[in-house]
Amino acid sequence: MAADLATLQARLVEAEAAYHTLQTGGRVAVVARDGRRLEYTSATDSLSKLRAYIAELNAAITELTGVDDTNPALRRRAGRFFFA
């Protein structure tokens, strides 16, 4: 998958939104991938393929950035500093 970071991140947002739609009762979610329009349904097989696509996008983003944002424990949090 040869795409720039912004494209990968946009695709990830779209795929995660589609997954959310299906998980919350939506019948069909549409995702554009490699110039094609893919429709996912709430069928288990379709959800598995969508989860695999999300994992693929996350891996590609991690490869480009060197940062694994899929693990909440590794995400950077804003620091709070208190001075007395």
Protein backbone atom coordinates (compact mmCIF):
# COMPACT_ATOMS: atom_id res chain seq x y z
CA MET A 1 0.00 0.00 0.00
CA ALA A 2 1.91 2.99 -1.26
CA ALA A 3 0.06 6.04 0.02
CA ASP A 4 1.03 9.12 1.94
CA LEU A 5 0.22 9.53 5.63
CA ALA A 6 -2.72 11.90 5.13
CA THR A 7 -4.38 9.49 2.70
CA LEU A 8 -3.89 6.54 5.04
CA GLN A 9 -5.29 8.49 7.98
CA ALA A 10 -8.33 9.58 5.95
CA ARG A 11 -8.95 5.99 4.88
CA LEU A 12 -8.63 4.83 8.49
CA VAL A 13 -11.20 7.37 9.68
CA GLU A 14 -13.57 6.26 6.92
CA ALA A 15 -13.10 2.55 7.68
CA GLU A 16 -13.55 3.06 11.43
CA ALA A 17 -16.74 5.06 10.81
CA ALA A 18 -18.05 2.25 8.59
CA TYR A 19 -17.24 -0.30 11.28
CA HIS A 20 -19.03 1.81 13.88
CA THR A 21 -22.08 2.10 11.60
CA LEU A 22 -22.28 -1.67 11.27
CA GLN A 23 -21.69 -2.30 14.96
CA THR A 24 -24.47 0.09 15.92
CA GLY A 25 -27.12 -1.48 13.70
CA GLY A 26 -26.50 0.02 10.28
CA ARG A 27 -27.24 -2.36 7.43
CA VAL A 28 -24.60 -1.27 4.92
CA ALA A 29 -21.44 0.81 5.18
CA VAL A 30 -19.52 2.03 2.13
CA VAL A 31 -15.75 2.50 1.98
CA ALA A 32 -13.63 3.63 -0.97
CA ARG A 33 -10.48 1.56 -1.39
CA ASP A 34 -7.94 1.74 -4.20
CA GLY A 35 -10.39 3.53 -6.47
CA ARG A 36 -13.16 1.02 -5.82
CA ARG A 37 -16.36 1.37 -3.82
CA LEU A 38 -16.75 -1.47 -1.30
CA GLU A 39 -19.94 -2.19 0.59
CA TYR A 40 -19.81 -3.96 3.92
CA THR A 41 -22.82 -5.47 5.67
CA SER A 42 -23.32 -6.50 9.25
CA ALA A 43 -22.56 -10.11 8.31
CA THR A 44 -19.74 -11.58 10.38
CA ASP A 45 -17.53 -12.21 7.34
CA SER A 46 -17.89 -8.62 6.21
CA LEU A 47 -17.05 -7.29 9.69
CA SER A 48 -13.96 -9.49 9.78
CA LYS A 49 -12.79 -8.12 6.42
CA LEU A 50 -13.38 -4.57 7.60
CA ARG A 51 -11.44 -5.21 10.83
CA ALA A 52 -8.59 -6.66 8.74
CA TYR A 53 -8.59 -3.56 6.52
CA ILE A 54 -8.46 -1.31 9.61
CA ALA A 55 -5.52 -3.36 10.96
CA GLU A 56 -3.77 -3.06 7.57
CA LEU A 57 -4.19 0.72 7.60
CA ASN A 58 -2.95 0.97 11.18
CA ALA A 59 0.12 -1.10 10.28
CA ALA A 60 0.88 1.11 7.27
CA ILE A 61 0.53 4.26 9.39
CA THR A 62 2.80 2.77 12.08
CA GLU A 63 5.38 1.92 9.42
CA LEU A 64 5.38 5.49 8.11
CA THR A 65 5.38 7.26 11.46
CA GLY A 66 7.12 4.79 13.73
CA VAL A 67 4.35 5.39 16.28
CA ASP A 68 1.84 2.70 17.25
CA ASP A 69 -1.38 4.58 17.97
CA THR A 70 -3.41 1.39 18.20
CA ASN A 71 -2.26 0.78 21.77
CA PRO A 72 -3.83 3.34 24.13
CA ALA A 73 -1.08 2.70 26.69
CA LEU A 74 1.53 4.00 24.22
CA ARG A 75 -0.32 7.17 23.22
CA ARG A 76 1.19 10.41 24.34
CA ARG A 77 -0.91 12.40 26.72
CA ALA A 78 -0.73 16.09 27.37
CA GLY A 79 1.26 16.76 30.50
CA ARG A 80 0.06 18.89 33.35
CA PHE A 81 2.56 20.89 35.23
CA PHE A 82 1.93 22.48 38.59
CA PHE A 83 4.18 25.11 40.09
CA ALA A 84 4.08 26.02 43.74
